[in-house]
């Protein structure tokens, strides 16, 4: 029994390390979100850190329009980065979970 418990604890620690490594790797995964008319481009990491914003000069003439573009495009970028982040972390966590009867959390 204790051997199984120790094995599970070791597997959980290994999984925790893999999750941390994956989080670090996701800092290097860059996603671009571009407005439908290509006037604004946001680059974000899969850990949801904004890396770059490119704004077409046209948008600089209308503050309200620029704000709308920023809100829409940033929200899309964050949503996309969150999906990538959650998918990657879930895959690592599922792979590393010990087989505990009755604990089918990732089905």
C-alpha atoms as a PDB file:
ATOM      1  CA  UNK A   1       0.000   0.000   0.000  1.00  0.00           C
ATOM      2  CA  UNK A   2       2.753   2.446   0.955  1.00  0.00           C
ATOM      3  CA  UNK A   3       4.652   1.576  -2.197  1.00  0.00           C
ATOM      4  CA  UNK A   4       1.618   2.582  -4.251  1.00  0.00           C
ATOM      5  CA  UNK A   5       1.282   5.777  -2.235  1.00  0.00           C
ATOM      6  CA  UNK A   6       4.954   6.629  -2.674  1.00  0.00           C
ATOM      7  CA  UNK A   7       4.696   5.886  -6.373  1.00  0.00           C
ATOM      8  CA  UNK A   8       1.673   8.174  -6.679  1.00  0.00           C
ATOM      9  CA  UNK A   9       3.437  10.944  -4.759  1.00  0.00           C
ATOM     10  CA  UNK A  10       6.461  10.636  -7.034  1.00  0.00           C
ATOM     11  CA  UNK A  11       4.234  10.771 -10.119  1.00  0.00           C
ATOM     12  CA  UNK A  12       2.437  13.853  -8.750  1.00  0.00           C
ATOM     13  CA  UNK A  13       5.760  15.633  -8.125  1.00  0.00           C
ATOM     14  CA  UNK A  14       6.900  14.724 -11.616  1.00  0.00           C
ATOM     15  CA  UNK A  15       3.641  16.065 -13.042  1.00  0.00           C
ATOM     16  CA  UNK A  16       3.981  19.273 -11.033  1.00  0.00           C
ATOM     17  CA  UNK A  17       7.453  19.787 -12.538  1.00  0.00           C
ATOM     18  CA  UNK A  18       6.093  19.147 -16.045  1.00  0.00           C
ATOM     19  CA  UNK A  19       3.299  21.678 -15.461  1.00  0.00           C
ATOM     20  CA  UNK A  20       5.835  24.281 -14.315  1.00  0.00           C
ATOM     21  CA  UNK A  21       8.044  23.545 -17.349  1.00  0.00           C
ATOM     22  CA  UNK A  22       5.009  23.872 -19.612  1.00  0.00           C
ATOM     23  CA  UNK A  23       4.120  27.233 -18.058  1.00  0.00           C
ATOM     24  CA  UNK A  24       7.656  28.471 -18.753  1.00  0.00           C
ATOM     25  CA  UNK A  25       7.456  27.203 -22.338  1.00  0.00           C
ATOM     26  CA  UNK A  26       4.122  28.984 -22.814  1.00  0.00           C
ATOM     27  CA  UNK A  27       5.954  32.274 -22.194  1.00  0.00           C
ATOM     28  CA  UNK A  28       7.634  31.673 -25.552  1.00  0.00           C
ATOM     29  CA  UNK A  29       4.461  30.750 -27.467  1.00  0.00           C
ATOM     30  CA  UNK A  30       3.367  33.923 -29.282  1.00  0.00           C
ATOM     31  CA  UNK A  31      -0.117  34.379 -30.703  1.00  0.00           C
ATOM     32  CA  UNK A  32      -1.148  37.203 -33.025  1.00  0.00           C
ATOM     33  CA  UNK A  33      -4.660  38.577 -33.005  1.00  0.00           C
ATOM     34  CA  UNK A  34      -5.459  40.941 -35.867  1.00  0.00           C
ATOM     35  CA  UNK A  35      -8.556  43.085 -36.283  1.00  0.00           C
ATOM     36  CA  UNK A  36     -10.789  42.105 -39.196  1.00  0.00           C
ATOM     37  CA  UNK A  37      -9.571  45.056 -41.280  1.00  0.00           C
ATOM     38  CA  UNK A  38      -5.884  44.634 -40.314  1.00  0.00           C
ATOM     39  CA  UNK A  39      -5.714  48.032 -38.590  1.00  0.00           C
ATOM     40  CA  UNK A  40      -4.647  46.626 -35.218  1.00  0.00           C
ATOM     41  CA  UNK A  41      -2.469  43.676 -34.304  1.00  0.00           C
ATOM     42  CA  UNK A  42      -1.863  42.352 -30.788  1.00  0.00           C
ATOM     43  CA  UNK A  43       0.848  39.816 -29.972  1.00  0.00           C
ATOM     44  CA  UNK A  44       0.323  37.900 -26.730  1.00  0.00           C
ATOM     45  CA  UNK A  45       1.988  34.908 -25.074  1.00  0.00           C
ATOM     46  CA  UNK A  46       0.047  31.765 -24.198  1.00  0.00           C
ATOM     47  CA  UNK A  47       0.511  32.905 -20.581  1.00  0.00           C
ATOM     48  CA  UNK A  48      -1.531  36.002 -21.451  1.00  0.00           C
ATOM     49  CA  UNK A  49       1.240  38.612 -21.411  1.00  0.00           C
ATOM     50  CA  UNK A  50       0.909  41.308 -24.075  1.00  0.00           C
ATOM     51  CA  UNK A  51       4.166  41.508 -26.054  1.00  0.00           C
ATOM     52  CA  UNK A  52       3.354  43.948 -28.840  1.00  0.00           C
ATOM     53  CA  UNK A  53       0.606  46.169 -30.206  1.00  0.00           C
ATOM     54  CA  UNK A  54       0.798  47.483 -33.769  1.00  0.00           C
ATOM     55  CA  UNK A  55      -1.619  50.282 -34.650  1.00  0.00           C
ATOM     56  CA  UNK A  56      -2.367  51.573 -38.140  1.00  0.00           C
ATOM     57  CA  UNK A  57      -1.898  55.357 -38.344  1.00  0.00           C
ATOM     58  CA  UNK A  58      -5.554  55.755 -39.396  1.00  0.00           C
ATOM     59  CA  UNK A  59      -6.672  54.679 -35.939  1.00  0.00           C
ATOM     60  CA  UNK A  60      -4.572  57.365 -34.273  1.00  0.00           C
ATOM     61  CA  UNK A  61      -6.916  60.015 -35.665  1.00  0.00           C
ATOM     62  CA  UNK A  62      -9.966  58.747 -33.750  1.00  0.00           C
ATOM     63  CA  UNK A  63      -9.426  58.059 -30.061  1.00  0.00           C
ATOM     64  CA  UNK A  64     -12.832  56.442 -29.511  1.00  0.00           C
ATOM     65  CA  UNK A  65     -12.412  54.115 -32.481  1.00  0.00           C
ATOM     66  CA  UNK A  66      -8.908  53.157 -31.299  1.00  0.00           C
ATOM     67  CA  UNK A  67     -10.243  52.344 -27.835  1.00  0.00           C
ATOM     68  CA  UNK A  68     -12.955  50.137 -29.350  1.00  0.00           C
ATOM     69  CA  UNK A  69     -10.390  48.322 -31.509  1.00  0.00           C
ATOM     70  CA  UNK A  70      -8.112  47.799 -28.520  1.00  0.00           C
ATOM     71  CA  UNK A  71     -10.881  46.387 -26.355  1.00  0.00           C
ATOM     72  CA  UNK A  72     -12.155  43.989 -29.022  1.00  0.00           C
ATOM     73  CA  UNK A  73      -8.773  42.800 -30.225  1.00  0.00           C
ATOM     74  CA  UNK A  74      -7.243  42.475 -26.759  1.00  0.00           C
ATOM     75  CA  UNK A  75     -10.226  40.474 -25.519  1.00  0.00           C
ATOM     76  CA  UNK A  76      -9.967  38.124 -28.512  1.00  0.00           C
ATOM     77  CA  UNK A  77      -6.226  37.727 -27.945  1.00  0.00           C
ATOM     78  CA  UNK A  78      -6.684  36.983 -24.238  1.00  0.00           C
ATOM     79  CA  UNK A  79      -9.445  34.476 -24.980  1.00  0.00           C
ATOM     80  CA  UNK A  80      -7.298  32.679 -27.544  1.00  0.00           C
ATOM     81  CA  UNK A  81      -4.249  32.643 -25.261  1.00  0.00           C
ATOM     82  CA  UNK A  82      -6.379  31.280 -22.413  1.00  0.00           C
ATOM     83  CA  UNK A  83      -7.621  28.431 -24.615  1.00  0.00           C
ATOM     84  CA  UNK A  84      -4.075  27.484 -25.636  1.00  0.00           C
ATOM     85  CA  UNK A  85      -2.863  27.776 -22.032  1.00  0.00           C
ATOM     86  CA  UNK A  86      -5.641  25.627 -20.578  1.00  0.00           C
ATOM     87  CA  UNK A  87      -5.334  22.991 -23.303  1.00  0.00           C
ATOM     88  CA  UNK A  88      -1.570  22.649 -22.794  1.00  0.00           C
ATOM     89  CA  UNK A  89      -1.745  22.520 -18.986  1.00  0.00           C
ATOM     90  CA  UNK A  90      -4.673  20.063 -19.019  1.00  0.00           C
ATOM     91  CA  UNK A  91      -2.781  17.739 -21.377  1.00  0.00           C
ATOM     92  CA  UNK A  92       0.265  17.683 -19.091  1.00  0.00           C
ATOM     93  CA  UNK A  93      -1.844  17.256 -15.953  1.00  0.00           C
ATOM     94  CA  UNK A  94      -3.939  14.457 -17.460  1.00  0.00           C
ATOM     95  CA  UNK A  95      -0.865  12.600 -18.645  1.00  0.00           C
ATOM     96  CA  UNK A  96       0.697  12.751 -15.198  1.00  0.00           C
ATOM     97  CA  UNK A  97      -2.276  11.892 -13.024  1.00  0.00           C
ATOM     98  CA  UNK A  98      -1.995   8.576 -11.218  1.00  0.00           C
ATOM     99  CA  UNK A  99      -4.701   6.025 -11.876  1.00  0.00           C
ATOM    100  CA  UNK A 100      -6.848   6.352  -8.754  1.00  0.00           C
ATOM    101  CA  UNK A 101     -10.116   4.410  -8.891  1.00  0.00           C
ATOM    102  CA  UNK A 102     -13.121   6.724  -8.831  1.00  0.00           C
ATOM    103  CA  UNK A 103     -11.042   9.785  -9.731  1.00  0.00           C
ATOM    104  CA  UNK A 104     -11.812  10.031 -13.460  1.00  0.00           C
ATOM    105  CA  UNK A 105     -11.565  13.824 -13.469  1.00  0.00           C
ATOM    106  CA  UNK A 106     -10.197  14.273 -16.984  1.00  0.00           C
ATOM    107  CA  UNK A 107     -12.593  12.204 -19.062  1.00  0.00           C
END
